[in-house]
């Protein structure tokens, strides 16, 4: 049976910001959210001349010579789970190749994936970094044009499977940056994802679409407050500020 093709937006051979250690980050093309503050808006559409198709073997060939210098690989996007069959086949090939078998395999996801998708991916995945755009439904819809119900369902599944490596909170001034919202979010995570690290990311305008460029970039003091409010519930030692 032939293996599925993957549609790539980009490959970053070495990255220190896409998971633990030094990682090869693979960005897949196409997303099922329409985030106002996305920093990779060119990866949203499925159809674009900038993307390229690859086979599992071709992508394995790109990673194999890098392997001695890597801790692992991370598949991001776009939304990685939209190409779950390709990701699963590539992760299996990495696991089975002696040159890449020791590499950890992570997914950076927006969480809009159903149970069948996680059934396919989780047995081959070491950890998932999950974006939680907003705990409040209306705010989530304003930021992404979709409900957060599947995201929260994914969060609970990943906690149950012990595969939730990190929760990522993008704090966008005017949407989800007030003290009550962030304290409530921290309490939700303390109750539903205890002990899981949380990366609190202050909005930055670089790379976003024109509609988001007028949003205020939080100061260092404001970002520190975000971390304090979330950390008060989840534990300050679990919070990383970006």
C-alpha atoms as a PDB file:
ATOM      1  CA  UNK A   1       0.000   0.000   0.000  1.00  0.00           C
ATOM      2  CA  UNK A   2       1.400   3.413  -0.951  1.00  0.00           C
ATOM      3  CA  UNK A   3       2.233   5.894   1.775  1.00  0.00           C
ATOM      4  CA  UNK A   4       0.408   9.255   1.887  1.00  0.00           C
ATOM      5  CA  UNK A   5       2.057  12.418   0.599  1.00  0.00           C
ATOM      6  CA  UNK A   6       2.718  15.352   2.878  1.00  0.00           C
ATOM      7  CA  UNK A   7       2.171  18.988   1.926  1.00  0.00           C
ATOM      8  CA  UNK A   8       4.948  21.113   3.464  1.00  0.00           C
ATOM      9  CA  UNK A   9       5.166  24.827   4.076  1.00  0.00           C
ATOM     10  CA  UNK A  10       8.743  24.737   5.361  1.00  0.00           C
ATOM     11  CA  UNK A  11      11.398  22.730   7.186  1.00  0.00           C
ATOM     12  CA  UNK A  12      13.642  24.369   9.792  1.00  0.00           C
ATOM     13  CA  UNK A  13      16.604  22.020  10.279  1.00  0.00           C
ATOM     14  CA  UNK A  14      17.523  23.253  13.766  1.00  0.00           C
ATOM     15  CA  UNK A  15      15.158  24.978  16.176  1.00  0.00           C
ATOM     16  CA  UNK A  16      15.313  25.694  19.930  1.00  0.00           C
ATOM     17  CA  UNK A  17      11.737  27.055  20.173  1.00  0.00           C
ATOM     18  CA  UNK A  18       9.662  24.134  18.889  1.00  0.00           C
ATOM     19  CA  UNK A  19       9.951  21.750  21.789  1.00  0.00           C
ATOM     20  CA  UNK A  20      12.643  20.394  24.116  1.00  0.00           C
ATOM     21  CA  UNK A  21      16.245  20.518  22.959  1.00  0.00           C
ATOM     22  CA  UNK A  22      17.505  21.011  19.434  1.00  0.00           C
ATOM     23  CA  UNK A  23      14.786  19.957  17.005  1.00  0.00           C
ATOM     24  CA  UNK A  24      14.036  19.729  13.327  1.00  0.00           C
ATOM     25  CA  UNK A  25      10.720  21.559  12.881  1.00  0.00           C
ATOM     26  CA  UNK A  26       8.471  20.580   9.982  1.00  0.00           C
ATOM     27  CA  UNK A  27       5.686  23.030   9.141  1.00  0.00           C
ATOM     28  CA  UNK A  28       2.750  21.500   7.286  1.00  0.00           C
ATOM     29  CA  UNK A  29       0.517  23.479   4.943  1.00  0.00           C
ATOM     30  CA  UNK A  30      -3.149  24.087   5.776  1.00  0.00           C
ATOM     31  CA  UNK A  31      -4.999  24.990   8.967  1.00  0.00           C
ATOM     32  CA  UNK A  32      -8.531  24.541  10.295  1.00  0.00           C
ATOM     33  CA  UNK A  33      -8.490  27.771  12.330  1.00  0.00           C
ATOM     34  CA  UNK A  34      -8.432  31.346  11.091  1.00  0.00           C
ATOM     35  CA  UNK A  35      -6.481  33.010  13.893  1.00  0.00           C
ATOM     36  CA  UNK A  36      -6.340  36.780  13.991  1.00  0.00           C
ATOM     37  CA  UNK A  37      -2.880  36.745  15.574  1.00  0.00           C
ATOM     38  CA  UNK A  38      -1.295  33.884  13.603  1.00  0.00           C
ATOM     39  CA  UNK A  39       2.426  34.415  13.000  1.00  0.00           C
ATOM     40  CA  UNK A  40       2.464  32.005  10.050  1.00  0.00           C
ATOM     41  CA  UNK A  41      -0.613  33.123   8.071  1.00  0.00           C
ATOM     42  CA  UNK A  42       0.930  31.864   4.823  1.00  0.00           C
ATOM     43  CA  UNK A  43       0.526  28.303   6.175  1.00  0.00           C
ATOM     44  CA  UNK A  44      -3.268  28.619   6.545  1.00  0.00           C
ATOM     45  CA  UNK A  45      -4.530  27.865   3.010  1.00  0.00           C
ATOM     46  CA  UNK A  46      -4.290  24.325   1.748  1.00  0.00           C
ATOM     47  CA  UNK A  47      -3.760  25.411  -1.842  1.00  0.00           C
ATOM     48  CA  UNK A  48      -0.754  27.645  -2.447  1.00  0.00           C
ATOM     49  CA  UNK A  49       2.133  27.671  -4.883  1.00  0.00           C
ATOM     50  CA  UNK A  50       4.559  28.074  -1.960  1.00  0.00           C
ATOM     51  CA  UNK A  51       3.880  24.562  -0.601  1.00  0.00           C
ATOM     52  CA  UNK A  52       5.618  21.391  -1.783  1.00  0.00           C
ATOM     53  CA  UNK A  53       4.589  17.760  -1.725  1.00  0.00           C
ATOM     54  CA  UNK A  54       6.931  15.176  -0.244  1.00  0.00           C
ATOM     55  CA  UNK A  55       6.893  11.461   0.370  1.00  0.00           C
ATOM     56  CA  UNK A  56       7.666   9.926   3.742  1.00  0.00           C
ATOM     57  CA  UNK A  57      10.965   8.662   2.342  1.00  0.00           C
ATOM     58  CA  UNK A  58      11.976  12.088   1.011  1.00  0.00           C
ATOM     59  CA  UNK A  59      11.370  13.757   4.366  1.00  0.00           C
ATOM     60  CA  UNK A  60      13.163  10.950   6.170  1.00  0.00           C
ATOM     61  CA  UNK A  61      16.135  11.512   3.858  1.00  0.00           C
ATOM     62  CA  UNK A  62      16.191  15.210   4.855  1.00  0.00           C
ATOM     63  CA  UNK A  63      16.288  14.404   8.573  1.00  0.00           C
ATOM     64  CA  UNK A  64      18.665  11.432   8.594  1.00  0.00           C
ATOM     65  CA  UNK A  65      21.922  13.439   8.133  1.00  0.00           C
ATOM     66  CA  UNK A  66      20.782  15.921  10.816  1.00  0.00           C
ATOM     67  CA  UNK A  67      19.996  13.237  13.365  1.00  0.00           C
ATOM     68  CA  UNK A  68      23.360  13.204  15.212  1.00  0.00           C
ATOM     69  CA  UNK A  69      22.814  16.861  16.136  1.00  0.00           C
ATOM     70  CA  UNK A  70      19.115  16.655  17.108  1.00  0.00           C
ATOM     71  CA  UNK A  71      17.095  15.859  20.214  1.00  0.00           C
ATOM     72  CA  UNK A  72      14.002  15.215  18.145  1.00  0.00           C
ATOM     73  CA  UNK A  73      11.550  16.382  15.521  1.00  0.00           C
ATOM     74  CA  UNK A  74       8.430  18.536  15.833  1.00  0.00           C
ATOM     75  CA  UNK A  75       5.584  18.700  13.346  1.00  0.00           C
ATOM     76  CA  UNK A  76       3.801  22.044  13.342  1.00  0.00           C
ATOM     77  CA  UNK A  77       1.820  24.078  10.863  1.00  0.00           C
ATOM     78  CA  UNK A  78      -0.600  25.124   9.728  1.00  0.00           C
ATOM     79  CA  UNK A  79      -2.239  22.388  11.736  1.00  0.00           C
ATOM     80  CA  UNK A  80      -0.272  19.160  11.840  1.00  0.00           C
ATOM     81  CA  UNK A  81      -3.223  16.900  12.660  1.00  0.00           C
ATOM     82  CA  UNK A  82      -4.956  17.785   9.364  1.00  0.00           C
ATOM     83  CA  UNK A  83      -2.352  15.538   7.711  1.00  0.00           C
ATOM     84  CA  UNK A  84      -2.521  12.853  10.379  1.00  0.00           C
ATOM     85  CA  UNK A  85      -1.984   9.902   8.024  1.00  0.00           C
ATOM     86  CA  UNK A  86       1.218  11.442   6.673  1.00  0.00           C
ATOM     87  CA  UNK A  87       2.466  12.390  10.159  1.00  0.00           C
ATOM     88  CA  UNK A  88       1.778   8.883  11.461  1.00  0.00           C
ATOM     89  CA  UNK A  89       3.586   7.280   8.528  1.00  0.00           C
ATOM     90  CA  UNK A  90       6.573   9.619   8.910  1.00  0.00           C
ATOM     91  CA  UNK A  91       6.773   9.083  12.681  1.00  0.00           C
ATOM     92  CA  UNK A  92       6.683   5.311  12.136  1.00  0.00           C
ATOM     93  CA  UNK A  93       9.478   5.596   9.564  1.00  0.00           C
ATOM     94  CA  UNK A  94      11.581   7.676  11.999  1.00  0.00           C
ATOM     95  CA  UNK A  95      11.001   5.091  14.725  1.00  0.00           C
ATOM     96  CA  UNK A  96      11.989   2.201  12.482  1.00  0.00           C
ATOM     97  CA  UNK A  97      15.117   3.767  10.934  1.00  0.00           C
ATOM     98  CA  UNK A  98      18.274   3.061  12.991  1.00  0.00           C
ATOM     99  CA  UNK A  99      19.635   6.554  12.265  1.00  0.00           C
ATOM    100  CA  UNK A 100      16.574   8.356  13.638  1.00  0.00           C
ATOM    101  CA  UNK A 101      15.035   5.902  16.103  1.00  0.00           C
ATOM    102  CA  UNK A 102      16.325   7.754  19.191  1.00  0.00           C
ATOM    103  CA  UNK A 103      14.755  11.088  18.177  1.00  0.00           C
ATOM    104  CA  UNK A 104      11.693  12.142  20.152  1.00  0.00           C
ATOM    105  CA  UNK A 105       8.596  12.916  18.061  1.00  0.00           C
ATOM    106  CA  UNK A 106       6.459  15.911  19.054  1.00  0.00           C
ATOM    107  CA  UNK A 107       3.395  17.640  17.602  1.00  0.00           C
ATOM    108  CA  UNK A 108       2.540  21.323  17.937  1.00  0.00           C
ATOM    109  CA  UNK A 109      -1.255  21.447  17.579  1.00  0.00           C
ATOM    110  CA  UNK A 110      -4.171  23.843  17.884  1.00  0.00           C
ATOM    111  CA  UNK A 111      -6.174  20.936  19.315  1.00  0.00           C
ATOM    112  CA  UNK A 112      -8.957  20.925  16.711  1.00  0.00           C
ATOM    113  CA  UNK A 113      -8.700  17.182  16.149  1.00  0.00           C
ATOM    114  CA  UNK A 114     -11.172  14.379  16.835  1.00  0.00           C
ATOM    115  CA  UNK A 115     -10.654  11.193  18.816  1.00  0.00           C
ATOM    116  CA  UNK A 116      -9.928   9.091  15.726  1.00  0.00           C
ATOM    117  CA  UNK A 117      -7.060  11.408  14.799  1.00  0.00           C
ATOM    118  CA  UNK A 118      -5.486  11.090  18.236  1.00  0.00           C
ATOM    119  CA  UNK A 119      -6.062   7.315  18.123  1.00  0.00           C
ATOM    120  CA  UNK A 120      -3.842   7.245  15.035  1.00  0.00           C
ATOM    121  CA  UNK A 121      -1.155   9.668  16.212  1.00  0.00           C
ATOM    122  CA  UNK A 122      -0.634   9.178  19.935  1.00  0.00           C
ATOM    123  CA  UNK A 123       0.912   5.673  19.842  1.00  0.00           C
ATOM    124  CA  UNK A 124       3.702   7.154  17.672  1.00  0.00           C
ATOM    125  CA  UNK A 125       4.032  10.501  19.483  1.00  0.00           C
ATOM    126  CA  UNK A 126       6.137  11.335  22.531  1.00  0.00           C
ATOM    127  CA  UNK A 127       4.487  14.652  23.342  1.00  0.00           C
ATOM    128  CA  UNK A 128       2.050  17.312  22.172  1.00  0.00           C
ATOM    129  CA  UNK A 129       2.350  21.052  22.661  1.00  0.00           C
ATOM    130  CA  UNK A 130      -1.226  22.350  22.654  1.00  0.00           C
ATOM    131  CA  UNK A 131      -2.357  25.892  21.878  1.00  0.00           C
ATOM    132  CA  UNK A 132      -5.211  27.198  24.028  1.00  0.00           C
ATOM    133  CA  UNK A 133      -6.219  30.474  22.398  1.00  0.00           C
ATOM    134  CA  UNK A 134      -8.874  31.298  24.997  1.00  0.00           C
ATOM    135  CA  UNK A 135     -10.846  29.499  27.691  1.00  0.00           C
ATOM    136  CA  UNK A 136     -13.947  31.619  27.095  1.00  0.00           C
ATOM    137  CA  UNK A 137     -15.932  30.349  24.082  1.00  0.00           C
ATOM    138  CA  UNK A 138     -16.852  33.763  22.675  1.00  0.00           C
ATOM    139  CA  UNK A 139     -13.284  35.030  22.954  1.00  0.00           C
ATOM    140  CA  UNK A 140     -11.991  31.880  21.289  1.00  0.00           C
ATOM    141  CA  UNK A 141     -14.424  32.360  18.420  1.00  0.00           C
ATOM    142  CA  UNK A 142     -13.408  36.018  18.075  1.00  0.00           C
ATOM    143  CA  UNK A 143      -9.730  35.033  17.853  1.00  0.00           C
ATOM    144  CA  UNK A 144     -10.050  31.893  15.696  1.00  0.00           C
ATOM    145  CA  UNK A 145     -13.573  31.771  14.185  1.00  0.00           C
ATOM    146  CA  UNK A 146     -14.182  28.381  15.835  1.00  0.00           C
ATOM    147  CA  UNK A 147     -15.363  27.059  19.167  1.00  0.00           C
ATOM    148  CA  UNK A 148     -12.824  25.833  21.699  1.00  0.00           C
ATOM    149  CA  UNK A 149     -14.852  22.680  22.469  1.00  0.00           C
ATOM    150  CA  UNK A 150     -12.593  20.333  20.425  1.00  0.00           C
ATOM    151  CA  UNK A 151      -9.495  21.984  21.936  1.00  0.00           C
ATOM    152  CA  UNK A 152     -10.639  21.320  25.493  1.00  0.00           C
ATOM    153  CA  UNK A 153     -11.610  17.765  24.516  1.00  0.00           C
ATOM    154  CA  UNK A 154      -8.116  17.244  23.085  1.00  0.00           C
ATOM    155  CA  UNK A 155      -6.547  18.675  26.236  1.00  0.00           C
ATOM    156  CA  UNK A 156      -8.396  16.189  28.424  1.00  0.00           C
ATOM    157  CA  UNK A 157      -7.502  13.281  26.119  1.00  0.00           C
ATOM    158  CA  UNK A 158      -3.820  14.246  26.068  1.00  0.00           C
ATOM    159  CA  UNK A 159      -3.707  14.539  29.851  1.00  0.00           C
ATOM    160  CA  UNK A 160      -5.355  11.133  30.175  1.00  0.00           C
ATOM    161  CA  UNK A 161      -2.792   9.616  27.779  1.00  0.00           C
ATOM    162  CA  UNK A 162       0.102  11.447  29.527  1.00  0.00           C
ATOM    163  CA  UNK A 163       1.091  13.026  26.227  1.00  0.00           C
ATOM    164  CA  UNK A 164       0.448  16.719  26.990  1.00  0.00           C
ATOM    165  CA  UNK A 165       3.964  18.165  27.076  1.00  0.00           C
ATOM    166  CA  UNK A 166       3.055  21.856  27.260  1.00  0.00           C
ATOM    167  CA  UNK A 167       0.100  24.256  27.014  1.00  0.00           C
ATOM    168  CA  UNK A 168       0.730  27.411  25.026  1.00  0.00           C
ATOM    169  CA  UNK A 169      -1.279  30.537  25.834  1.00  0.00           C
ATOM    170  CA  UNK A 170      -1.036  33.386  23.363  1.00  0.00           C
ATOM    171  CA  UNK A 171      -2.112  36.515  25.231  1.00  0.00           C
ATOM    172  CA  UNK A 172      -3.644  39.095  22.907  1.00  0.00           C
ATOM    173  CA  UNK A 173      -4.338  42.519  24.461  1.00  0.00           C
ATOM    174  CA  UNK A 174      -7.982  43.485  24.243  1.00  0.00           C
ATOM    175  CA  UNK A 175      -9.072  39.857  23.967  1.00  0.00           C
ATOM    176  CA  UNK A 176      -7.688  37.612  26.698  1.00  0.00           C
ATOM    177  CA  UNK A 177      -5.204  39.703  28.705  1.00  0.00           C
ATOM    178  CA  UNK A 178      -7.233  40.826  31.709  1.00  0.00           C
ATOM    179  CA  UNK A 179      -6.392  39.565  35.174  1.00  0.00           C
ATOM    180  CA  UNK A 180      -9.630  37.667  35.814  1.00  0.00           C
ATOM    181  CA  UNK A 181      -9.394  35.831  32.471  1.00  0.00           C
ATOM    182  CA  UNK A 182      -5.819  34.714  33.030  1.00  0.00           C
ATOM    183  CA  UNK A 183      -6.418  33.718  36.657  1.00  0.00           C
ATOM    184  CA  UNK A 184      -9.471  31.676  35.530  1.00  0.00           C
ATOM    185  CA  UNK A 185      -7.384  30.046  32.794  1.00  0.00           C
ATOM    186  CA  UNK A 186      -4.687  29.174  35.313  1.00  0.00           C
ATOM    187  CA  UNK A 187      -7.247  27.622  37.640  1.00  0.00           C
ATOM    188  CA  UNK A 188      -8.732  25.589  34.785  1.00  0.00           C
ATOM    189  CA  UNK A 189      -5.307  24.238  33.868  1.00  0.00           C
ATOM    190  CA  UNK A 190      -4.429  23.524  37.496  1.00  0.00           C
ATOM    191  CA  UNK A 191      -7.590  21.429  37.767  1.00  0.00           C
ATOM    192  CA  UNK A 192      -7.497  19.738  34.339  1.00  0.00           C
ATOM    193  CA  UNK A 193      -3.797  19.558  33.457  1.00  0.00           C
ATOM    194  CA  UNK A 194      -1.966  19.536  36.804  1.00  0.00           C
ATOM    195  CA  UNK A 195       1.812  19.616  36.586  1.00  0.00           C
ATOM    196  CA  UNK A 196       1.888  20.425  32.859  1.00  0.00           C
ATOM    197  CA  UNK A 197       4.223  23.300  31.864  1.00  0.00           C
ATOM    198  CA  UNK A 198       2.554  26.430  30.507  1.00  0.00           C
ATOM    199  CA  UNK A 199       4.195  28.793  28.026  1.00  0.00           C
ATOM    200  CA  UNK A 200       2.674  32.285  28.277  1.00  0.00           C
ATOM    201  CA  UNK A 201       3.338  34.143  25.038  1.00  0.00           C
ATOM    202  CA  UNK A 202       2.782  37.874  24.747  1.00  0.00           C
ATOM    203  CA  UNK A 203       1.397  39.017  21.392  1.00  0.00           C
ATOM    204  CA  UNK A 204       3.904  40.377  18.896  1.00  0.00           C
ATOM    205  CA  UNK A 205       2.926  42.033  15.643  1.00  0.00           C
ATOM    206  CA  UNK A 206       5.815  40.686  13.582  1.00  0.00           C
ATOM    207  CA  UNK A 207       4.525  38.422  10.812  1.00  0.00           C
ATOM    208  CA  UNK A 208       0.805  38.807  11.536  1.00  0.00           C
ATOM    209  CA  UNK A 209      -1.842  39.834   9.025  1.00  0.00           C
ATOM    210  CA  UNK A 210      -2.684  43.495   8.479  1.00  0.00           C
ATOM    211  CA  UNK A 211      -5.865  43.199  10.571  1.00  0.00           C
ATOM    212  CA  UNK A 212      -3.799  42.431  13.679  1.00  0.00           C
ATOM    213  CA  UNK A 213      -0.947  44.875  13.275  1.00  0.00           C
ATOM    214  CA  UNK A 214      -2.655  47.599  15.276  1.00  0.00           C
ATOM    215  CA  UNK A 215      -2.979  45.437  18.382  1.00  0.00           C
ATOM    216  CA  UNK A 216      -0.892  46.706  21.281  1.00  0.00           C
ATOM    217  CA  UNK A 217       2.281  44.710  21.964  1.00  0.00           C
ATOM    218  CA  UNK A 218       2.480  44.111  25.732  1.00  0.00           C
ATOM    219  CA  UNK A 219       5.419  45.562  27.619  1.00  0.00           C
ATOM    220  CA  UNK A 220       7.821  43.417  29.619  1.00  0.00           C
ATOM    221  CA  UNK A 221       5.966  44.451  32.774  1.00  0.00           C
ATOM    222  CA  UNK A 222       2.612  43.440  31.302  1.00  0.00           C
ATOM    223  CA  UNK A 223       3.981  40.063  30.179  1.00  0.00           C
ATOM    224  CA  UNK A 224       5.364  39.516  33.680  1.00  0.00           C
ATOM    225  CA  UNK A 225       1.879  40.157  35.086  1.00  0.00           C
ATOM    226  CA  UNK A 226       0.401  37.593  32.673  1.00  0.00           C
ATOM    227  CA  UNK A 227       2.853  35.029  34.013  1.00  0.00           C
ATOM    228  CA  UNK A 228       2.105  35.910  37.627  1.00  0.00           C
ATOM    229  CA  UNK A 229      -1.666  35.586  37.161  1.00  0.00           C
ATOM    230  CA  UNK A 230      -1.448  32.199  35.416  1.00  0.00           C
ATOM    231  CA  UNK A 231       1.323  30.977  37.683  1.00  0.00           C
ATOM    232  CA  UNK A 232      -0.634  31.767  40.847  1.00  0.00           C
ATOM    233  CA  UNK A 233      -2.797  28.711  40.098  1.00  0.00           C
ATOM    234  CA  UNK A 234      -0.624  26.323  38.089  1.00  0.00           C
ATOM    235  CA  UNK A 235       2.610  27.032  39.985  1.00  0.00           C
ATOM    236  CA  UNK A 236       5.085  29.713  39.009  1.00  0.00           C
ATOM    237  CA  UNK A 237       7.804  27.117  38.414  1.00  0.00           C
ATOM    238  CA  UNK A 238       5.714  25.673  35.558  1.00  0.00           C
ATOM    239  CA  UNK A 239       5.344  28.968  33.688  1.00  0.00           C
ATOM    240  CA  UNK A 240       7.688  30.124  30.945  1.00  0.00           C
ATOM    241  CA  UNK A 241       7.272  33.693  29.711  1.00  0.00           C
ATOM    242  CA  UNK A 242       7.919  34.511  26.099  1.00  0.00           C
END
